[in-house]
């Protein structure tokens, strides 16, 4: 259980870092998209790892429910970030 909590903490930190990124100037957009893509890949690898860990964890339906809620939250954070870039 502690390893799941630690991975969730890392995921939250990564999401916060992405959301706190400054809005880029026009000339910085290409670089911002490149960083955003790297961030997406990193977040998705963390999500996949956590998803596997949570699904293998037996008997913790509350944990699975909170994890499903977290996935929706992650999607919202990423959508907001990409709206900043448009």
PDB file of N, CA and C in Angstrom:
ATOM      1  N   UNK A   1       0.826  -1.199   0.000  1.00  0.00           N
ATOM      2  CA  UNK A   1       0.000   0.000   0.000  1.00  0.00           C
ATOM      3  C   UNK A   1       0.867   1.258   0.000  1.00  0.00           C
ATOM      4  N   UNK A   2       1.989   1.232   0.747  1.00  0.00           N
ATOM      5  CA  UNK A   2       2.857   2.405   0.791  1.00  0.00           C
ATOM      6  C   UNK A   2       3.437   2.731  -0.575  1.00  0.00           C
ATOM      7  N   UNK A   3       3.761   1.690  -1.365  1.00  0.00           N
ATOM      8  CA  UNK A   3       4.311   1.970  -2.685  1.00  0.00           C
ATOM      9  C   UNK A   3       3.263   2.607  -3.597  1.00  0.00           C
ATOM     10  N   UNK A   4       2.004   2.251  -3.433  1.00  0.00           N
ATOM     11  CA  UNK A   4       0.939   2.887  -4.211  1.00  0.00           C
ATOM     12  C   UNK A   4       0.807   4.354  -3.801  1.00  0.00           C
ATOM     13  N   UNK A   5       0.829   4.620  -2.502  1.00  0.00           N
ATOM     14  CA  UNK A   5       0.729   6.005  -2.029  1.00  0.00           C
ATOM     15  C   UNK A   5       1.898   6.841  -2.534  1.00  0.00           C
ATOM     16  N   UNK A   6       3.092   6.270  -2.540  1.00  0.00           N
ATOM     17  CA  UNK A   6       4.274   6.995  -3.013  1.00  0.00           C
ATOM     18  C   UNK A   6       4.155   7.305  -4.503  1.00  0.00           C
ATOM     19  N   UNK A   7       3.697   6.354  -5.288  1.00  0.00           N
ATOM     20  CA  UNK A   7       3.520   6.592  -6.720  1.00  0.00           C
ATOM     21  C   UNK A   7       2.434   7.634  -6.970  1.00  0.00           C
ATOM     22  N   UNK A   8       1.369   7.615  -6.180  1.00  0.00           N
ATOM     23  CA  UNK A   8       0.318   8.627  -6.325  1.00  0.00           C
ATOM     24  C   UNK A   8       0.859  10.009  -5.973  1.00  0.00           C
ATOM     25  N   UNK A   9       1.686  10.082  -4.942  1.00  0.00           N
ATOM     26  CA  UNK A   9       2.287  11.361  -4.562  1.00  0.00           C
ATOM     27  C   UNK A   9       3.142  11.908  -5.705  1.00  0.00           C
ATOM     28  N   UNK A  10       3.934  11.045  -6.337  1.00  0.00           N
ATOM     29  CA  UNK A  10       4.776  11.465  -7.459  1.00  0.00           C
ATOM     30  C   UNK A  10       3.923  11.953  -8.623  1.00  0.00           C
ATOM     31  N   UNK A  11       2.818  11.276  -8.864  1.00  0.00           N
ATOM     32  CA  UNK A  11       1.927  11.667  -9.947  1.00  0.00           C
ATOM     33  C   UNK A  11       1.310  13.035  -9.673  1.00  0.00           C
ATOM     34  N   UNK A  12       0.873  13.264  -8.449  1.00  0.00           N
ATOM     35  CA  UNK A  12       0.297  14.560  -8.083  1.00  0.00           C
ATOM     36  C   UNK A  12       1.339  15.665  -8.240  1.00  0.00           C
ATOM     37  N   UNK A  13       2.567  15.415  -7.811  1.00  0.00           N
ATOM     38  CA  UNK A  13       3.632  16.409  -7.966  1.00  0.00           C
ATOM     39  C   UNK A  13       3.869  16.731  -9.438  1.00  0.00           C
ATOM     40  N   UNK A  14       3.860  15.719 -10.277  1.00  0.00           N
ATOM     41  CA  UNK A  14       4.067  15.939 -11.710  1.00  0.00           C
ATOM     42  C   UNK A  14       2.928  16.761 -12.302  1.00  0.00           C
ATOM     43  N   UNK A  15       1.696  16.480 -11.893  1.00  0.00           N
ATOM     44  CA  UNK A  15       0.552  17.249 -12.391  1.00  0.00           C
ATOM     45  C   UNK A  15       0.637  18.698 -11.933  1.00  0.00           C
ATOM     46  N   UNK A  16       1.032  18.917 -10.682  1.00  0.00           N
ATOM     47  CA  UNK A  16       1.147  20.279 -10.174  1.00  0.00           C
ATOM     48  C   UNK A  16       2.213  21.049 -10.940  1.00  0.00           C
ATOM     49  N   UNK A  17       3.313  20.387 -11.246  1.00  0.00           N
ATOM     50  CA  UNK A  17       4.384  21.034 -12.000  1.00  0.00           C
ATOM     51  C   UNK A  17       3.891  21.454 -13.383  1.00  0.00           C
ATOM     52  N   UNK A  18       3.121  20.597 -14.025  1.00  0.00           N
ATOM     53  CA  UNK A  18       2.579  20.932 -15.344  1.00  0.00           C
ATOM     54  C   UNK A  18       1.590  22.088 -15.238  1.00  0.00           C
ATOM     55  N   UNK A  19       0.707  22.065 -14.256  1.00  0.00           N
ATOM     56  CA  UNK A  19      -0.296  23.129 -14.123  1.00  0.00           C
ATOM     57  C   UNK A  19       0.310  24.468 -13.747  1.00  0.00           C
ATOM     58  N   UNK A  20       1.459  24.456 -13.085  1.00  0.00           N
ATOM     59  CA  UNK A  20       2.094  25.702 -12.671  1.00  0.00           C
ATOM     60  C   UNK A  20       3.006  26.277 -13.743  1.00  0.00           C
ATOM     61  N   UNK A  21       3.121  25.595 -14.865  1.00  0.00           N
ATOM     62  CA  UNK A  21       3.974  26.090 -15.944  1.00  0.00           C
ATOM     63  C   UNK A  21       3.412  27.412 -16.461  1.00  0.00           C
ATOM     64  N   UNK A  22       4.290  28.372 -16.724  1.00  0.00           N
ATOM     65  CA  UNK A  22       3.811  29.661 -17.229  1.00  0.00           C
ATOM     66  C   UNK A  22       3.244  29.525 -18.643  1.00  0.00           C
ATOM     67  N   UNK A  23       2.348  30.422 -18.972  1.00  0.00           N
ATOM     68  CA  UNK A  23       1.788  30.444 -20.321  1.00  0.00           C
ATOM     69  C   UNK A  23       2.878  30.957 -21.258  1.00  0.00           C
ATOM     70  N   UNK A  24       3.186  30.201 -22.300  1.00  0.00           N
ATOM     71  CA  UNK A  24       4.300  30.583 -23.175  1.00  0.00           C
ATOM     72  C   UNK A  24       3.937  31.737 -24.106  1.00  0.00           C
ATOM     73  N   UNK A  25       4.960  32.473 -24.489  1.00  0.00           N
ATOM     74  CA  UNK A  25       4.807  33.496 -25.523  1.00  0.00           C
ATOM     75  C   UNK A  25       4.699  32.778 -26.869  1.00  0.00           C
ATOM     76  N   UNK A  26       4.233  33.484 -27.896  1.00  0.00           N
ATOM     77  CA  UNK A  26       4.070  32.861 -29.212  1.00  0.00           C
ATOM     78  C   UNK A  26       5.348  32.197 -29.703  1.00  0.00           C
ATOM     79  N   UNK A  27       6.479  32.865 -29.532  1.00  0.00           N
ATOM     80  CA  UNK A  27       7.738  32.325 -30.046  1.00  0.00           C
ATOM     81  C   UNK A  27       8.195  31.095 -29.264  1.00  0.00           C
ATOM     82  N   UNK A  28       7.584  30.836 -28.122  1.00  0.00           N
ATOM     83  CA  UNK A  28       7.950  29.693 -27.290  1.00  0.00           C
ATOM     84  C   UNK A  28       7.011  28.497 -27.465  1.00  0.00           C
ATOM     85  N   UNK A  29       6.004  28.638 -28.306  1.00  0.00           N
ATOM     86  CA  UNK A  29       4.980  27.592 -28.394  1.00  0.00           C
ATOM     87  C   UNK A  29       5.530  26.236 -28.834  1.00  0.00           C
ATOM     88  N   UNK A  30       6.413  26.223 -29.813  1.00  0.00           N
ATOM     89  CA  UNK A  30       6.943  24.943 -30.283  1.00  0.00           C
ATOM     90  C   UNK A  30       7.670  24.216 -29.155  1.00  0.00           C
ATOM     91  N   UNK A  31       8.465  24.955 -28.409  1.00  0.00           N
ATOM     92  CA  UNK A  31       9.177  24.362 -27.272  1.00  0.00           C
ATOM     93  C   UNK A  31       8.187  23.930 -26.185  1.00  0.00           C
ATOM     94  N   UNK A  32       7.156  24.719 -25.971  1.00  0.00           N
ATOM     95  CA  UNK A  32       6.150  24.374 -24.960  1.00  0.00           C
ATOM     96  C   UNK A  32       5.422  23.090 -25.339  1.00  0.00           C
ATOM     97  N   UNK A  33       5.088  22.939 -26.605  1.00  0.00           N
ATOM     98  CA  UNK A  33       4.440  21.698 -27.045  1.00  0.00           C
ATOM     99  C   UNK A  33       5.361  20.498 -26.855  1.00  0.00           C
ATOM    100  N   UNK A  34       6.651  20.685 -27.147  1.00  0.00           N
ATOM    101  CA  UNK A  34       7.604  19.590 -26.972  1.00  0.00           C
ATOM    102  C   UNK A  34       7.660  19.174 -25.507  1.00  0.00           C
ATOM    103  N   UNK A  35       7.741  20.152 -24.609  1.00  0.00           N
ATOM    104  CA  UNK A  35       7.754  19.854 -23.174  1.00  0.00           C
ATOM    105  C   UNK A  35       6.438  19.218 -22.731  1.00  0.00           C
ATOM    106  N   UNK A  36       5.335  19.703 -23.290  1.00  0.00           N
ATOM    107  CA  UNK A  36       4.029  19.138 -22.936  1.00  0.00           C
ATOM    108  C   UNK A  36       3.940  17.677 -23.363  1.00  0.00           C
ATOM    109  N   UNK A  37       4.446  17.372 -24.544  1.00  0.00           N
ATOM    110  CA  UNK A  37       4.429  15.978 -24.995  1.00  0.00           C
ATOM    111  C   UNK A  37       5.279  15.095 -24.093  1.00  0.00           C
ATOM    112  N   UNK A  38       6.442  15.602 -23.706  1.00  0.00           N
ATOM    113  CA  UNK A  38       7.292  14.839 -22.783  1.00  0.00           C
ATOM    114  C   UNK A  38       6.570  14.626 -21.458  1.00  0.00           C
ATOM    115  N   UNK A  39       5.930  15.682 -20.966  1.00  0.00           N
ATOM    116  CA  UNK A  39       5.180  15.582 -19.718  1.00  0.00           C
ATOM    117  C   UNK A  39       4.030  14.594 -19.815  1.00  0.00           C
ATOM    118  N   UNK A  40       3.343  14.604 -20.956  1.00  0.00           N
ATOM    119  CA  UNK A  40       2.238  13.657 -21.166  1.00  0.00           C
ATOM    120  C   UNK A  40       2.739  12.223 -21.112  1.00  0.00           C
ATOM    121  N   UNK A  41       3.856  11.965 -21.784  1.00  0.00           N
ATOM    122  CA  UNK A  41       4.393  10.602 -21.784  1.00  0.00           C
ATOM    123  C   UNK A  41       4.790  10.177 -20.377  1.00  0.00           C
ATOM    124  N   UNK A  42       5.401  11.093 -19.637  1.00  0.00           N
ATOM    125  CA  UNK A  42       5.809  10.780 -18.269  1.00  0.00           C
ATOM    126  C   UNK A  42       4.581  10.513 -17.398  1.00  0.00           C
ATOM    127  N   UNK A  43       3.572  11.370 -17.512  1.00  0.00           N
ATOM    128  CA  UNK A  43       2.351  11.170 -16.727  1.00  0.00           C
ATOM    129  C   UNK A  43       1.658   9.866 -17.098  1.00  0.00           C
ATOM    130  N   UNK A  44       1.581   9.582 -18.375  1.00  0.00           N
ATOM    131  CA  UNK A  44       0.896   8.362 -18.793  1.00  0.00           C
ATOM    132  C   UNK A  44       1.632   7.116 -18.315  1.00  0.00           C
ATOM    133  N   UNK A  45       2.958   7.165 -18.293  1.00  0.00           N
ATOM    134  CA  UNK A  45       3.685   5.996 -17.786  1.00  0.00           C
ATOM    135  C   UNK A  45       3.422   5.820 -16.297  1.00  0.00           C
ATOM    136  N   UNK A  46       3.336   6.931 -15.558  1.00  0.00           N
ATOM    137  CA  UNK A  46       3.003   6.844 -14.131  1.00  0.00           C
ATOM    138  C   UNK A  46       1.579   6.322 -13.939  1.00  0.00           C
ATOM    139  N   UNK A  47       0.657   6.805 -14.764  1.00  0.00           N
ATOM    140  CA  UNK A  47      -0.735   6.363 -14.669  1.00  0.00           C
ATOM    141  C   UNK A  47      -0.830   4.860 -14.939  1.00  0.00           C
ATOM    142  N   UNK A  48      -0.154   4.396 -15.982  1.00  0.00           N
ATOM    143  CA  UNK A  48      -0.191   2.962 -16.306  1.00  0.00           C
ATOM    144  C   UNK A  48       0.381   2.129 -15.169  1.00  0.00           C
ATOM    145  N   UNK A  49       1.509   2.595 -14.608  1.00  0.00           N
ATOM    146  CA  UNK A  49       2.135   1.864 -13.498  1.00  0.00           C
ATOM    147  C   UNK A  49       1.185   1.807 -12.303  1.00  0.00           C
ATOM    148  N   UNK A  50       0.606   2.955 -11.959  1.00  0.00           N
ATOM    149  CA  UNK A  50      -0.321   3.003 -10.827  1.00  0.00           C
ATOM    150  C   UNK A  50      -1.575   2.186 -11.089  1.00  0.00           C
ATOM    151  N   UNK A  51      -2.077   2.244 -12.295  1.00  0.00           N
ATOM    152  CA  UNK A  51      -3.274   1.479 -12.631  1.00  0.00           C
ATOM    153  C   UNK A  51      -3.031  -0.009 -12.405  1.00  0.00           C
ATOM    154  N   UNK A  52      -1.886  -0.488 -12.833  1.00  0.00           N
ATOM    155  CA  UNK A  52      -1.543  -1.895 -12.632  1.00  0.00           C
ATOM    156  C   UNK A  52      -1.437  -2.212 -11.140  1.00  0.00           C
ATOM    157  N   UNK A  53      -0.764  -1.328 -10.389  1.00  0.00           N
ATOM    158  CA  UNK A  53      -0.591  -1.554  -8.953  1.00  0.00           C
ATOM    159  C   UNK A  53      -1.944  -1.590  -8.241  1.00  0.00           C
ATOM    160  N   UNK A  54      -2.816  -0.634  -8.568  1.00  0.00           N
ATOM    161  CA  UNK A  54      -4.123  -0.551  -7.909  1.00  0.00           C
ATOM    162  C   UNK A  54      -4.973  -1.766  -8.253  1.00  0.00           C
ATOM    163  N   UNK A  55      -4.978  -2.148  -9.516  1.00  0.00           N
ATOM    164  CA  UNK A  55      -5.802  -3.289  -9.923  1.00  0.00           C
ATOM    165  C   UNK A  55      -5.310  -4.603  -9.337  1.00  0.00           C
ATOM    166  N   UNK A  56      -4.022  -4.699  -9.036  1.00  0.00           N
ATOM    167  CA  UNK A  56      -3.484  -5.918  -8.433  1.00  0.00           C
ATOM    168  C   UNK A  56      -3.682  -5.946  -6.923  1.00  0.00           C
ATOM    169  N   UNK A  57      -4.047  -4.809  -6.339  1.00  0.00           N
ATOM    170  CA  UNK A  57      -4.226  -4.713  -4.899  1.00  0.00           C
ATOM    171  C   UNK A  57      -5.579  -5.307  -4.543  1.00  0.00           C
ATOM    172  N   UNK A  58      -5.585  -6.366  -3.787  1.00  0.00           N
ATOM    173  CA  UNK A  58      -6.813  -7.105  -3.484  1.00  0.00           C
ATOM    174  C   UNK A  58      -7.615  -6.466  -2.345  1.00  0.00           C
ATOM    175  N   UNK A  59      -8.924  -6.445  -2.494  1.00  0.00           N
ATOM    176  CA  UNK A  59      -9.828  -6.116  -1.407  1.00  0.00           C
ATOM    177  C   UNK A  59      -9.931  -4.661  -1.008  1.00  0.00           C
ATOM    178  N   UNK A  60      -9.431  -3.753  -1.803  1.00  0.00           N
ATOM    179  CA  UNK A  60      -9.490  -2.334  -1.455  1.00  0.00           C
ATOM    180  C   UNK A  60     -10.367  -1.591  -2.458  1.00  0.00           C
ATOM    181  N   UNK A  61     -11.666  -1.775  -2.346  1.00  0.00           N
ATOM    182  CA  UNK A  61     -12.588  -1.143  -3.290  1.00  0.00           C
ATOM    183  C   UNK A  61     -12.567   0.377  -3.169  1.00  0.00           C
ATOM    184  N   UNK A  62     -12.387   0.907  -1.941  1.00  0.00           N
ATOM    185  CA  UNK A  62     -12.277   2.358  -1.764  1.00  0.00           C
ATOM    186  C   UNK A  62     -11.098   2.901  -2.547  1.00  0.00           C
ATOM    187  N   UNK A  63      -9.976   2.206  -2.473  1.00  0.00           N
ATOM    188  CA  UNK A  63      -8.780   2.627  -3.193  1.00  0.00           C
ATOM    189  C   UNK A  63      -9.051   2.656  -4.694  1.00  0.00           C
ATOM    190  N   UNK A  64      -9.699   1.632  -5.198  1.00  0.00           N
ATOM    191  CA  UNK A  64      -9.999   1.569  -6.628  1.00  0.00           C
ATOM    192  C   UNK A  64     -10.957   2.687  -7.039  1.00  0.00           C
ATOM    193  N   UNK A  65     -11.931   3.000  -6.189  1.00  0.00           N
ATOM    194  CA  UNK A  65     -12.868   4.077  -6.478  1.00  0.00           C
ATOM    195  C   UNK A  65     -12.131   5.420  -6.530  1.00  0.00           C
ATOM    196  N   UNK A  66     -11.262   5.668  -5.546  1.00  0.00           N
ATOM    197  CA  UNK A  66     -10.496   6.916  -5.526  1.00  0.00           C
ATOM    198  C   UNK A  66      -9.548   6.993  -6.715  1.00  0.00           C
ATOM    199  N   UNK A  67      -8.989   5.870  -7.100  1.00  0.00           N
ATOM    200  CA  UNK A  67      -8.092   5.850  -8.252  1.00  0.00           C
ATOM    201  C   UNK A  67      -8.852   6.224  -9.525  1.00  0.00           C
ATOM    202  N   UNK A  68     -10.042   5.682  -9.711  1.00  0.00           N
ATOM    203  CA  UNK A  68     -10.834   6.029 -10.895  1.00  0.00           C
ATOM    204  C   UNK A  68     -11.162   7.516 -10.911  1.00  0.00           C
ATOM    205  N   UNK A  69     -11.463   8.080  -9.748  1.00  0.00           N
ATOM    206  CA  UNK A  69     -11.703   9.520  -9.658  1.00  0.00           C
ATOM    207  C   UNK A  69     -10.435  10.291 -10.031  1.00  0.00           C
ATOM    208  N   UNK A  70      -9.292   9.808  -9.567  1.00  0.00           N
ATOM    209  CA  UNK A  70      -8.015  10.471  -9.849  1.00  0.00           C
ATOM    210  C   UNK A  70      -7.720  10.491 -11.345  1.00  0.00           C
ATOM    211  N   UNK A  71      -8.056   9.419 -12.040  1.00  0.00           N
ATOM    212  CA  UNK A  71      -7.815   9.375 -13.483  1.00  0.00           C
ATOM    213  C   UNK A  71      -8.595  10.492 -14.183  1.00  0.00           C
ATOM    214  N   UNK A  72      -9.849  10.696 -13.785  1.00  0.00           N
ATOM    215  CA  UNK A  72     -10.628  11.788 -14.371  1.00  0.00           C
ATOM    216  C   UNK A  72      -9.998  13.139 -14.045  1.00  0.00           C
ATOM    217  N   UNK A  73      -9.481  13.286 -12.851  1.00  0.00           N
ATOM    218  CA  UNK A  73      -8.824  14.527 -12.453  1.00  0.00           C
ATOM    219  C   UNK A  73      -7.576  14.776 -13.295  1.00  0.00           C
ATOM    220  N   UNK A  74      -6.811  13.730 -13.540  1.00  0.00           N
ATOM    221  CA  UNK A  74      -5.606  13.850 -14.368  1.00  0.00           C
ATOM    222  C   UNK A  74      -5.988  14.337 -15.763  1.00  0.00           C
ATOM    223  N   UNK A  75      -7.026  13.758 -16.329  1.00  0.00           N
ATOM    224  CA  UNK A  75      -7.467  14.172 -17.657  1.00  0.00           C
ATOM    225  C   UNK A  75      -7.860  15.644 -17.661  1.00  0.00           C
ATOM    226  N   UNK A  76      -8.553  16.092 -16.622  1.00  0.00           N
ATOM    227  CA  UNK A  76      -8.947  17.497 -16.528  1.00  0.00           C
ATOM    228  C   UNK A  76      -7.729  18.405 -16.465  1.00  0.00           C
ATOM    229  N   UNK A  77      -6.726  18.030 -15.661  1.00  0.00           N
ATOM    230  CA  UNK A  77      -5.502  18.829 -15.552  1.00  0.00           C
ATOM    231  C   UNK A  77      -4.811  18.947 -16.908  1.00  0.00           C
ATOM    232  N   UNK A  78      -4.719  17.851 -17.617  1.00  0.00           N
ATOM    233  CA  UNK A  78      -4.046  17.872 -18.911  1.00  0.00           C
ATOM    234  C   UNK A  78      -4.820  18.697 -19.928  1.00  0.00           C
ATOM    235  N   UNK A  79      -6.132  18.593 -19.918  1.00  0.00           N
ATOM    236  CA  UNK A  79      -6.943  19.394 -20.832  1.00  0.00           C
ATOM    237  C   UNK A  79      -6.762  20.880 -20.548  1.00  0.00           C
ATOM    238  N   UNK A  80      -6.738  21.266 -19.279  1.00  0.00           N
ATOM    239  CA  UNK A  80      -6.530  22.669 -18.917  1.00  0.00           C
ATOM    240  C   UNK A  80      -5.167  23.156 -19.382  1.00  0.00           C
ATOM    241  N   UNK A  81      -4.155  22.321 -19.219  1.00  0.00           N
ATOM    242  CA  UNK A  81      -2.811  22.707 -19.640  1.00  0.00           C
ATOM    243  C   UNK A  81      -2.773  22.948 -21.146  1.00  0.00           C
ATOM    244  N   UNK A  82      -3.366  22.051 -21.914  1.00  0.00           N
ATOM    245  CA  UNK A  82      -3.330  22.214 -23.362  1.00  0.00           C
ATOM    246  C   UNK A  82      -4.187  23.385 -23.821  1.00  0.00           C
ATOM    247  N   UNK A  83      -5.210  23.750 -23.064  1.00  0.00           N
ATOM    248  CA  UNK A  83      -5.983  24.951 -23.390  1.00  0.00           C
ATOM    249  C   UNK A  83      -5.102  26.189 -23.264  1.00  0.00           C
ATOM    250  N   UNK A  84      -4.177  26.180 -22.292  1.00  0.00           N
ATOM    251  CA  UNK A  84      -3.250  27.305 -22.140  1.00  0.00           C
ATOM    252  C   UNK A  84      -2.397  27.482 -23.388  1.00  0.00           C
ATOM    253  N   UNK A  85      -2.087  26.382 -24.047  1.00  0.00           N
ATOM    254  CA  UNK A  85      -1.203  26.439 -25.204  1.00  0.00           C
ATOM    255  C   UNK A  85      -1.921  26.867 -26.478  1.00  0.00           C
ATOM    256  N   UNK A  86      -3.240  26.747 -26.508  1.00  0.00           N
ATOM    257  CA  UNK A  86      -3.981  27.103 -27.735  1.00  0.00           C
ATOM    258  C   UNK A  86      -4.079  28.589 -27.929  1.00  0.00           C
TER     259      UNK A  86
END
